[in-house]
Amino acid sequence: MTAPIRENLSGLDLRAEIDRLRKERNAVILAHYYQKPEIQDLADFVGDSLELSRKAADTDADVIAFCGVKFMAETAKILSPEKIVILPDMDAGCSLEDSCPPEQFKRFREAHPDHIALTYINCSAAVKALSDIIVTSSSAETIISQIPPEQKIIFGPDRHLGGYMNRKFGRDMLLWPGVCIVHEAFSETELLKLKAQHPNAPVAAHPECPPYIVDHADYVGSTSGILQFAKTFEGDTLIVATEPHIIHQMELAIPEKNFIGAPGADGNCNCNICPYMALNTMEKLYIALRDLSPRIEMDEELRLGARKSLDRMLEMASGTIGKGDLGQR
């Protein structure tokens, strides 16, 4: 576990100090949509995990400060090996990554040699290196639609996203049993109560949600897709079934509309706030930029193995790979 911060930083203007260190370190600060508003507001880029890593790779920054979780910072390192990548708190993990240890995934693959592995980006670099194709919540449909129906598929680690794709495409992918603890926390009963209070409000849901939430959604998509839907839907109120910190970007972009986070089990708990994302703070970001630590380090062989499955995704998402290239590893 990362040792708790024991320094007294109360006298510092953290925003000013972070801006100073950003310039001194030639750093780019990335913030996922699920970060606290104060971190989103100071970031150079706010967005989905892969989108952020690609934007950072296109900059001339020497340092990437990724305010997100560990697998996201690893992805930034995979795409930008020459840059220093720091994560404000190395304990900022992910329940999906935790659910899929590389050794177990390797044995699972070996037990199903006739399957290719489509793996959600919410996994470790080691699992990416064991996979054939990485998918994101925004690219999964495009990629699955290109894979011949007769090709058997392992989909991991999110069984809800995989199940949603199975239902949408009539497939029978073999699902790894992982879930996101945030999206698992939404209550169907409380959502129906909220819909009754706002009968004209559509529901936008992330496909990591269980079927009993997705089935009530008017739009299902990635965080960036949900944000785009928020900008274009007709009406003045939207119910949002994903981590509620994305609502900050919605309120900035469309202040005249009303956004309501989908409720948890008791109707008003904070159980749908990601506890891992919450580990990143202004204080920890300041210290990470100051000390250039904690940083992501990665063996080059592992990086190249993970990069191969990411590149396969990018090729298929852009339509530059043929179906004949989808054989097993």
Protein backbone atom coordinates (compact mmCIF):
# COMPACT_ATOMS: atom_id res chain seq x y z
CA MET A 1 0.00 0.00 0.00
CA THR A 2 1.14 3.54 -0.68
CA ALA A 3 2.13 5.34 2.53
CA PRO A 4 -0.30 8.12 3.46
CA ILE A 5 0.78 11.71 2.89
CA ARG A 6 2.15 13.12 6.14
CA GLU A 7 3.43 16.46 4.89
CA ASN A 8 1.72 19.64 5.96
CA LEU A 9 0.69 21.26 2.68
CA SER A 10 -1.95 23.53 4.17
CA GLY A 11 0.03 26.70 3.44
CA LEU A 12 0.45 25.97 -0.27
CA ASP A 13 -1.64 27.29 -3.11
CA LEU A 14 -1.89 23.85 -4.66
CA ARG A 15 -3.35 25.01 -7.97
CA ALA A 16 -0.54 27.54 -8.43
CA GLU A 17 2.10 25.01 -7.41
CA ILE A 18 0.74 22.39 -9.78
CA ASP A 19 0.77 24.93 -12.61
CA ARG A 20 4.36 25.86 -11.75
CA LEU A 21 5.50 22.23 -11.72
CA ARG A 22 3.56 21.47 -14.91
CA LYS A 23 5.71 24.07 -16.70
CA GLU A 24 8.97 23.12 -14.99
CA ARG A 25 8.52 19.41 -15.72
CA ASN A 26 7.09 19.98 -19.21
CA ALA A 27 4.19 17.84 -18.05
CA VAL A 28 0.75 17.17 -19.45
CA ILE A 29 -2.00 16.48 -16.90
CA LEU A 30 -4.73 14.02 -17.86
CA ALA A 31 -8.00 13.60 -15.95
CA HIS A 32 -10.57 10.89 -16.51
CA TYR A 33 -14.23 11.91 -16.47
CA TYR A 34 -14.57 10.17 -13.09
CA GLN A 35 -12.11 12.46 -11.32
CA LYS A 36 -13.19 15.16 -8.87
CA PRO A 37 -14.20 18.46 -10.52
CA GLU A 38 -11.19 20.34 -9.10
CA ILE A 39 -8.85 17.91 -10.88
CA GLN A 40 -10.87 17.97 -14.09
CA ASP A 41 -10.72 21.76 -14.10
CA LEU A 42 -6.91 21.95 -14.00
CA ALA A 43 -6.22 19.14 -16.47
CA ASP A 44 -4.88 19.73 -19.96
CA PHE A 45 -7.21 17.01 -21.25
CA VAL A 46 -10.34 15.41 -19.79
CA GLY A 47 -11.76 12.28 -21.36
CA ASP A 48 -11.90 8.48 -21.64
CA SER A 49 -8.80 6.47 -20.79
CA LEU A 50 -7.51 5.50 -24.26
CA GLU A 51 -8.45 8.87 -25.74
CA LEU A 52 -6.36 10.57 -23.04
CA SER A 53 -3.34 8.31 -23.62
CA ARG A 54 -3.44 8.96 -27.37
CA LYS A 55 -3.67 12.72 -26.85
CA ALA A 56 -0.72 12.65 -24.46
CA ALA A 57 1.33 10.62 -26.95
CA ASP A 58 0.80 13.37 -29.52
CA THR A 59 2.25 16.07 -27.26
CA ASP A 60 5.90 17.01 -26.79
CA ALA A 61 5.55 16.63 -23.01
CA ASP A 62 8.32 14.87 -21.08
CA VAL A 63 5.96 13.84 -18.27
CA ILE A 64 2.42 12.47 -18.24
CA ALA A 65 0.56 12.92 -14.96
CA PHE A 66 -2.45 10.60 -15.27
CA CYS A 67 -5.25 11.33 -12.83
CA GLY A 68 -7.12 8.10 -13.27
CA VAL A 69 -6.35 4.52 -12.28
CA LYS A 70 -3.33 2.29 -12.76
CA PHE A 71 -4.37 0.47 -15.94
CA MET A 72 -4.94 3.85 -17.60
CA ALA A 73 -1.47 5.09 -16.66
CA GLU A 74 -0.04 1.78 -17.93
CA THR A 75 -1.77 2.37 -21.26
CA ALA A 76 -0.17 5.82 -21.44
CA LYS A 77 3.23 4.20 -20.86
CA ILE A 78 2.56 1.56 -23.52
CA LEU A 79 1.87 4.30 -26.07
CA SER A 80 4.57 6.72 -24.81
CA PRO A 81 7.53 4.65 -23.58
CA GLU A 82 9.89 7.61 -23.85
CA LYS A 83 7.84 9.73 -21.44
CA ILE A 84 7.80 9.58 -17.65
CA VAL A 85 4.30 8.52 -16.56
CA ILE A 86 3.23 9.27 -13.00
CA LEU A 87 0.07 8.31 -11.11
CA PRO A 88 -0.81 10.37 -8.03
CA ASP A 89 -1.70 7.25 -6.04
CA MET A 90 -0.42 3.83 -7.11
CA ASP A 91 -3.23 2.20 -5.12
CA ALA A 92 -5.76 3.65 -7.57
CA GLY A 93 -6.73 0.33 -9.09
CA CYS A 94 -9.84 -1.13 -10.72
CA SER A 95 -12.18 -3.93 -9.68
CA LEU A 96 -12.20 -5.23 -13.25
CA GLU A 97 -8.41 -5.43 -13.36
CA ASP A 98 -8.38 -7.07 -9.92
CA SER A 99 -10.88 -9.69 -11.09
CA CYS A 100 -8.56 -10.92 -13.84
CA PRO A 101 -5.10 -11.95 -12.58
CA PRO A 102 -2.74 -12.65 -15.51
CA GLU A 103 -1.89 -16.18 -14.35
CA GLN A 104 -5.55 -17.18 -14.18
CA PHE A 105 -6.30 -15.55 -17.53
CA LYS A 106 -3.37 -17.39 -19.12
CA ARG A 107 -4.68 -20.74 -17.85
CA PHE A 108 -8.19 -19.86 -19.04
CA ARG A 109 -6.87 -19.11 -22.51
CA GLU A 110 -4.91 -22.34 -22.60
CA ALA A 111 -8.08 -24.26 -21.68
CA HIS A 112 -9.88 -22.77 -24.72
CA PRO A 113 -7.30 -22.84 -27.54
CA ASP A 114 -9.92 -22.42 -30.28
CA HIS A 115 -11.00 -19.02 -28.91
CA ILE A 116 -9.51 -15.62 -29.58
CA ALA A 117 -9.39 -13.20 -26.67
CA LEU A 118 -11.19 -9.86 -26.89
CA THR A 119 -10.26 -8.03 -23.74
CA TYR A 120 -11.74 -4.83 -22.37
CA ILE A 121 -9.13 -2.12 -21.86
CA ASN A 122 -9.89 -2.16 -18.10
CA CYS A 123 -7.19 -4.76 -17.42
CA SER A 124 -3.50 -4.91 -16.61
CA ALA A 125 -0.71 -4.61 -19.16
CA ALA A 126 0.07 -8.29 -18.53
CA VAL A 127 -3.48 -9.32 -19.49
CA LYS A 128 -3.33 -7.06 -22.55
CA ALA A 129 -0.17 -8.91 -23.62
CA LEU A 130 -2.06 -12.23 -23.30
CA SER A 131 -4.92 -10.94 -25.48
CA ASP A 132 -5.50 -10.82 -29.22
CA ILE A 133 -7.54 -7.63 -29.44
CA ILE A 134 -8.28 -4.92 -26.88
CA VAL A 135 -11.65 -3.20 -27.02
CA THR A 136 -13.07 -0.09 -25.41
CA SER A 137 -16.72 0.51 -24.63
CA SER A 138 -16.87 2.76 -27.70
CA SER A 139 -15.05 0.39 -30.12
CA ALA A 140 -16.40 -3.00 -28.98
CA GLU A 141 -19.37 -2.99 -31.37
CA THR A 142 -17.25 -2.03 -34.38
CA ILE A 143 -14.70 -4.72 -33.64
CA ILE A 144 -17.12 -7.55 -32.82
CA SER A 145 -19.06 -6.84 -36.01
CA GLN A 146 -15.90 -7.64 -38.00
CA ILE A 147 -15.27 -11.05 -36.42
CA PRO A 148 -16.81 -14.01 -38.28
CA PRO A 149 -19.73 -15.60 -36.41
CA GLU A 150 -18.01 -18.98 -36.41
CA GLN A 151 -14.95 -17.63 -34.59
CA LYS A 152 -15.17 -18.48 -30.90
CA ILE A 153 -14.36 -15.59 -28.54
CA ILE A 154 -13.32 -15.15 -24.93
CA PHE A 155 -14.48 -11.75 -23.66
CA GLY A 156 -13.10 -10.39 -20.42
CA PRO A 157 -12.94 -9.09 -17.85
CA ASP A 158 -16.35 -7.32 -17.79
CA ARG A 159 -19.20 -9.81 -18.02
CA HIS A 160 -21.80 -7.06 -18.28
CA LEU A 161 -20.20 -5.39 -21.30
CA GLY A 162 -19.61 -8.81 -22.84
CA GLY A 163 -23.18 -9.87 -22.12
CA TYR A 164 -24.52 -6.68 -23.67
CA MET A 165 -22.51 -7.42 -26.82
CA ASN A 166 -23.70 -11.03 -26.85
CA ARG A 167 -27.31 -9.87 -26.77
CA LYS A 168 -26.76 -7.16 -29.36
CA PHE A 169 -24.99 -9.40 -31.87
CA GLY A 170 -26.56 -12.77 -31.05
CA ARG A 171 -23.15 -14.17 -30.11
CA ASP A 172 -22.15 -16.67 -27.49
CA MET A 173 -18.85 -15.24 -26.30
CA LEU A 174 -17.32 -16.97 -23.29
CA LEU A 175 -17.41 -14.34 -20.55
CA TRP A 176 -14.88 -13.76 -17.80
CA PRO A 177 -16.86 -13.12 -14.59
CA GLY A 178 -15.55 -9.62 -13.66
CA VAL A 179 -17.69 -6.58 -12.86
CA CYS A 180 -17.19 -2.89 -12.15
CA ILE A 181 -18.14 -2.25 -8.53
CA VAL A 182 -19.40 1.23 -9.43
CA HIS A 183 -21.81 0.21 -12.17
CA GLU A 184 -22.88 -2.86 -10.19
CA ALA A 185 -24.08 -0.54 -7.41
CA PHE A 186 -27.03 0.96 -9.27
CA SER A 187 -30.48 -0.10 -8.09
CA GLU A 188 -33.23 -1.00 -10.55
CA THR A 189 -35.90 -0.26 -7.97
CA GLU A 190 -34.51 3.19 -7.22
CA LEU A 191 -34.02 3.91 -10.92
CA LEU A 192 -37.66 3.12 -11.60
CA LYS A 193 -38.71 5.44 -8.79
CA LEU A 194 -36.57 8.19 -10.32
CA LYS A 195 -38.05 7.58 -13.78
CA ALA A 196 -41.53 7.88 -12.27
CA GLN A 197 -40.58 11.26 -10.80
CA HIS A 198 -39.18 12.41 -14.17
CA PRO A 199 -41.30 10.57 -16.77
CA ASN A 200 -39.94 12.57 -19.71
CA ALA A 201 -36.27 12.18 -18.79
CA PRO A 202 -34.28 9.67 -20.86
CA VAL A 203 -31.74 7.40 -19.21
CA ALA A 204 -28.14 7.18 -20.46
CA ALA A 205 -26.22 4.15 -19.19
CA HIS A 206 -22.73 2.75 -19.51
CA PRO A 207 -22.61 -0.85 -20.83
CA GLU A 208 -20.68 -1.88 -17.70
CA CYS A 209 -24.06 -1.65 -15.95
CA PRO A 210 -26.00 -4.89 -15.30
CA PRO A 211 -28.80 -5.80 -17.73
CA TYR A 212 -31.49 -4.66 -15.27
CA ILE A 213 -30.14 -1.11 -15.65
CA VAL A 214 -29.20 -1.21 -19.34
CA ASP A 215 -32.69 -2.50 -20.24
CA HIS A 216 -34.20 0.76 -18.95
CA ALA A 217 -31.76 2.98 -20.87
CA ASP A 218 -32.61 5.13 -23.86
CA TYR A 219 -28.92 5.38 -24.72
CA VAL A 220 -26.10 2.94 -23.94
CA GLY A 221 -22.51 3.95 -24.57
CA SER A 222 -19.08 4.93 -23.31
CA THR A 223 -18.51 7.90 -21.05
CA SER A 224 -17.64 10.09 -24.03
CA GLY A 225 -20.70 8.76 -25.84
CA ILE A 226 -22.92 9.56 -22.87
CA LEU A 227 -21.49 13.07 -22.77
CA GLN A 228 -22.26 13.54 -26.47
CA PHE A 229 -25.80 12.22 -25.93
CA ALA A 230 -26.22 14.75 -23.11
CA LYS A 231 -25.39 17.52 -25.56
CA THR A 232 -27.87 16.39 -28.21
CA PHE A 233 -30.92 14.81 -26.52
CA GLU A 234 -34.23 16.65 -26.68
CA GLY A 235 -35.57 17.71 -23.34
CA ASP A 236 -34.22 19.36 -20.24
CA THR A 237 -33.48 16.47 -17.84
CA LEU A 238 -31.24 13.41 -18.21
CA ILE A 239 -30.76 10.49 -15.82
CA VAL A 240 -27.13 9.36 -15.92
CA ALA A 241 -26.21 5.76 -15.02
CA THR A 242 -22.45 5.91 -14.75
CA GLU A 243 -19.96 7.34 -12.25
CA PRO A 244 -21.49 10.72 -11.37
CA HIS A 245 -18.38 12.89 -11.72
CA ILE A 246 -18.99 12.98 -15.49
CA ILE A 247 -21.95 15.23 -14.69
CA HIS A 248 -19.44 18.03 -14.05
CA GLN A 249 -18.53 18.05 -17.75
CA MET A 250 -22.21 17.96 -18.72
CA GLU A 251 -22.98 20.96 -16.53
CA LEU A 252 -20.05 22.87 -18.01
CA ALA A 253 -21.13 22.09 -21.58
CA ILE A 254 -24.92 22.39 -21.19
CA PRO A 255 -25.64 24.47 -18.06
CA GLU A 256 -29.27 24.98 -19.05
CA LYS A 257 -30.08 21.26 -18.68
CA ASN A 258 -30.60 19.19 -15.54
CA PHE A 259 -28.57 16.03 -14.93
CA ILE A 260 -29.46 13.47 -12.27
CA GLY A 261 -27.18 10.62 -11.25
CA ALA A 262 -28.83 7.22 -11.13
CA PRO A 263 -29.26 6.13 -7.50
CA GLY A 264 -27.67 3.33 -5.55
CA ALA A 265 -29.39 0.80 -3.33
CA ASP A 266 -30.83 3.20 -0.76
CA GLY A 267 -31.59 5.99 -3.20
CA ASN A 268 -28.97 8.46 -2.02
CA CYS A 269 -25.77 6.57 -1.13
CA ASN A 270 -22.34 7.43 -2.52
CA CYS A 271 -21.75 3.81 -3.56
CA ASN A 272 -21.70 4.77 -7.26
CA ILE A 273 -18.63 7.00 -6.74
CA CYS A 274 -15.50 5.12 -7.77
CA PRO A 275 -13.37 4.67 -4.62
CA TYR A 276 -10.24 4.11 -6.71
CA MET A 277 -10.62 7.32 -8.69
CA ALA A 278 -11.24 9.16 -5.43
CA LEU A 279 -7.74 8.26 -4.20
CA ASN A 280 -6.28 10.93 -6.50
CA THR A 281 -6.21 14.34 -4.82
CA MET A 282 -4.72 17.75 -5.49
CA GLU A 283 -2.14 17.10 -2.74
CA LYS A 284 -1.06 13.80 -4.27
CA LEU A 285 -0.89 15.31 -7.76
CA TYR A 286 1.34 18.09 -6.47
CA ILE A 287 3.70 15.63 -4.75
CA ALA A 288 3.78 13.34 -7.80
CA LEU A 289 4.79 16.25 -10.05
CA ARG A 290 7.32 17.48 -7.52
CA ASP A 291 8.97 14.08 -6.97
CA LEU A 292 8.16 12.48 -10.35
CA SER A 293 6.88 9.56 -8.31
CA PRO A 294 5.13 7.19 -8.12
CA ARG A 295 5.86 6.36 -11.73
CA ILE A 296 4.86 3.57 -14.07
CA GLU A 297 7.75 1.29 -15.04
CA MET A 298 7.32 -1.48 -17.59
CA ASP A 299 9.48 -4.22 -19.06
CA GLU A 300 9.92 -3.62 -22.79
CA GLU A 301 8.88 -7.14 -23.77
CA LEU A 302 5.66 -6.73 -21.79
CA ARG A 303 5.07 -3.28 -23.28
CA LEU A 304 5.46 -4.56 -26.84
CA GLY A 305 3.15 -7.51 -26.17
CA ALA A 306 0.46 -5.22 -24.79
CA ARG A 307 1.01 -2.73 -27.60
CA LYS A 308 0.32 -5.44 -30.19
CA SER A 309 -3.23 -6.06 -28.94
CA LEU A 310 -3.88 -2.31 -28.66
CA ASP A 311 -2.66 -1.76 -32.22
CA ARG A 312 -4.94 -4.54 -33.43
CA MET A 313 -7.87 -2.68 -31.86
CA LEU A 314 -6.88 0.63 -33.45
CA GLU A 315 -6.53 -1.02 -36.85
CA MET A 316 -9.93 -2.70 -36.63
CA ALA A 317 -11.63 0.40 -35.26
CA SER A 318 -10.34 2.35 -38.25
CA GLY A 319 -11.21 -0.42 -40.72
CA THR A 320 -7.62 -1.09 -41.82
CA ILE A 321 -7.50 -4.81 -40.94
CA GLY A 322 -9.18 -7.58 -42.88
CA LYS A 323 -11.23 -10.44 -41.50
CA GLY A 324 -8.58 -12.84 -42.74
CA ASP A 325 -6.16 -11.35 -40.23
CA LEU A 326 -8.24 -12.41 -37.22
CA GLY A 327 -6.68 -15.81 -36.64
CA GLN A 328 -5.64 -16.94 -33.22
CA ARG A 329 -2.28 -16.04 -31.74
